[in-house]
Amino acid sequence: MKVGDVVRCVWPDSFSYLKEQSGIILEINQCSQSTIVDVRVLWSNGKVESFDESELDIIEVVDGSR
């Protein structure tokens, strides 16, 4: 998971307003090199919200090497 990847929320019961939306990862905050603690996502409805990595599923990986 990295900045630019397209994600969806995997907790539709808790976040029903995000059920049919996708979002782009804007920022990832880590407490160590391997532990992600906060992922900020820009959703297709224009909202920016923070989630735990486990609450998100990657739809599309963005390859920045091009």
C-alpha atoms as a PDB file:
ATOM      1  CA  MET A   1       0.000   0.000   0.000  1.00  0.00           C
ATOM      2  CA  LYS A   2       1.419   3.379  -1.019  1.00  0.00           C
ATOM      3  CA  VAL A   3       0.451   6.941  -1.883  1.00  0.00           C
ATOM      4  CA  GLY A   4      -1.488   7.035  -5.161  1.00  0.00           C
ATOM      5  CA  ASP A   5      -3.021   3.559  -4.881  1.00  0.00           C
ATOM      6  CA  VAL A   6      -6.778   3.354  -5.439  1.00  0.00           C
ATOM      7  CA  VAL A   7      -8.666   1.726  -2.557  1.00  0.00           C
ATOM      8  CA  ARG A   8     -12.130   0.864  -1.307  1.00  0.00           C
ATOM      9  CA  CYS A   9     -13.409   0.557   2.243  1.00  0.00           C
ATOM     10  CA  VAL A  10     -13.908  -3.055   3.408  1.00  0.00           C
ATOM     11  CA  TRP A  11     -16.177  -2.135   6.327  1.00  0.00           C
ATOM     12  CA  PRO A  12     -19.464  -1.260   4.521  1.00  0.00           C
ATOM     13  CA  ASP A  13     -21.621  -1.720   7.648  1.00  0.00           C
ATOM     14  CA  SER A  14     -19.733   0.925   9.599  1.00  0.00           C
ATOM     15  CA  PHE A  15     -19.102   3.233   6.651  1.00  0.00           C
ATOM     16  CA  SER A  16     -22.195   2.637   4.498  1.00  0.00           C
ATOM     17  CA  TYR A  17     -21.747   5.997   2.751  1.00  0.00           C
ATOM     18  CA  LEU A  18     -18.476   4.659   1.281  1.00  0.00           C
ATOM     19  CA  LYS A  19     -19.951   1.362   0.036  1.00  0.00           C
ATOM     20  CA  GLU A  20     -19.862   2.166  -3.688  1.00  0.00           C
ATOM     21  CA  GLN A  21     -16.953   4.625  -3.632  1.00  0.00           C
ATOM     22  CA  SER A  22     -13.278   4.407  -4.375  1.00  0.00           C
ATOM     23  CA  GLY A  23     -10.537   6.622  -3.040  1.00  0.00           C
ATOM     24  CA  ILE A  24      -6.921   7.587  -3.613  1.00  0.00           C
ATOM     25  CA  ILE A  25      -4.333   7.295  -0.860  1.00  0.00           C
ATOM     26  CA  LEU A  26      -2.969  10.763  -0.125  1.00  0.00           C
ATOM     27  CA  GLU A  27      -0.713  10.035   2.837  1.00  0.00           C
ATOM     28  CA  ILE A  28       0.527   7.124   4.923  1.00  0.00           C
ATOM     29  CA  ASN A  29       1.746   7.652   8.479  1.00  0.00           C
ATOM     30  CA  GLN A  30       3.923   4.983  10.059  1.00  0.00           C
ATOM     31  CA  CYS A  31       5.167   4.452  13.611  1.00  0.00           C
ATOM     32  CA  SER A  32       7.985   2.233  12.303  1.00  0.00           C
ATOM     33  CA  GLN A  33       9.220   1.132   8.891  1.00  0.00           C
ATOM     34  CA  SER A  34       6.830  -1.807   8.770  1.00  0.00           C
ATOM     35  CA  THR A  35       3.801  -0.646  10.789  1.00  0.00           C
ATOM     36  CA  ILE A  36       1.245   1.589   9.086  1.00  0.00           C
ATOM     37  CA  VAL A  37      -0.927   3.366  11.634  1.00  0.00           C
ATOM     38  CA  ASP A  38      -2.912   5.859   9.575  1.00  0.00           C
ATOM     39  CA  VAL A  39      -3.889   6.051   5.899  1.00  0.00           C
ATOM     40  CA  ARG A  40      -5.450   9.309   4.635  1.00  0.00           C
ATOM     41  CA  VAL A  41      -7.770   8.758   1.678  1.00  0.00           C
ATOM     42  CA  LEU A  42      -9.469  11.183  -0.724  1.00  0.00           C
ATOM     43  CA  TRP A  43     -12.829   9.603  -1.554  1.00  0.00           C
ATOM     44  CA  SER A  44     -14.793  10.105  -4.766  1.00  0.00           C
ATOM     45  CA  ASN A  45     -17.343  12.162  -2.777  1.00  0.00           C
ATOM     46  CA  GLY A  46     -14.579  14.712  -2.038  1.00  0.00           C
ATOM     47  CA  LYS A  47     -14.098  13.822   1.644  1.00  0.00           C
ATOM     48  CA  VAL A  48     -10.653  13.146   3.088  1.00  0.00           C
ATOM     49  CA  GLU A  49     -10.651  10.650   5.961  1.00  0.00           C
ATOM     50  CA  SER A  50      -8.159   8.544   7.908  1.00  0.00           C
ATOM     51  CA  PHE A  51      -8.378   4.781   8.136  1.00  0.00           C
ATOM     52  CA  ASP A  52      -6.376   1.874   9.463  1.00  0.00           C
ATOM     53  CA  GLU A  53      -4.704  -0.186   6.737  1.00  0.00           C
ATOM     54  CA  SER A  54      -6.904  -3.189   7.638  1.00  0.00           C
ATOM     55  CA  GLU A  55     -10.051  -1.206   6.758  1.00  0.00           C
ATOM     56  CA  LEU A  56      -8.974  -0.704   3.138  1.00  0.00           C
ATOM     57  CA  ASP A  57      -8.651  -2.950   0.102  1.00  0.00           C
ATOM     58  CA  ILE A  58      -6.442  -1.997  -2.852  1.00  0.00           C
ATOM     59  CA  ILE A  59      -8.337  -1.809  -6.147  1.00  0.00           C
ATOM     60  CA  GLU A  60      -5.511  -0.518  -8.328  1.00  0.00           C
ATOM     61  CA  VAL A  61      -1.792  -0.201  -7.635  1.00  0.00           C
ATOM     62  CA  VAL A  62      -0.282   2.915  -9.151  1.00  0.00           C
ATOM     63  CA  ASP A  63       3.154   2.327 -10.628  1.00  0.00           C
ATOM     64  CA  GLY A  64       5.223   5.488 -10.290  1.00  0.00           C
ATOM     65  CA  SER A  65       8.135   4.169 -12.364  1.00  0.00           C
ATOM     66  CA  ARG A  66       6.720   5.380 -15.693  1.00  0.00           C
END
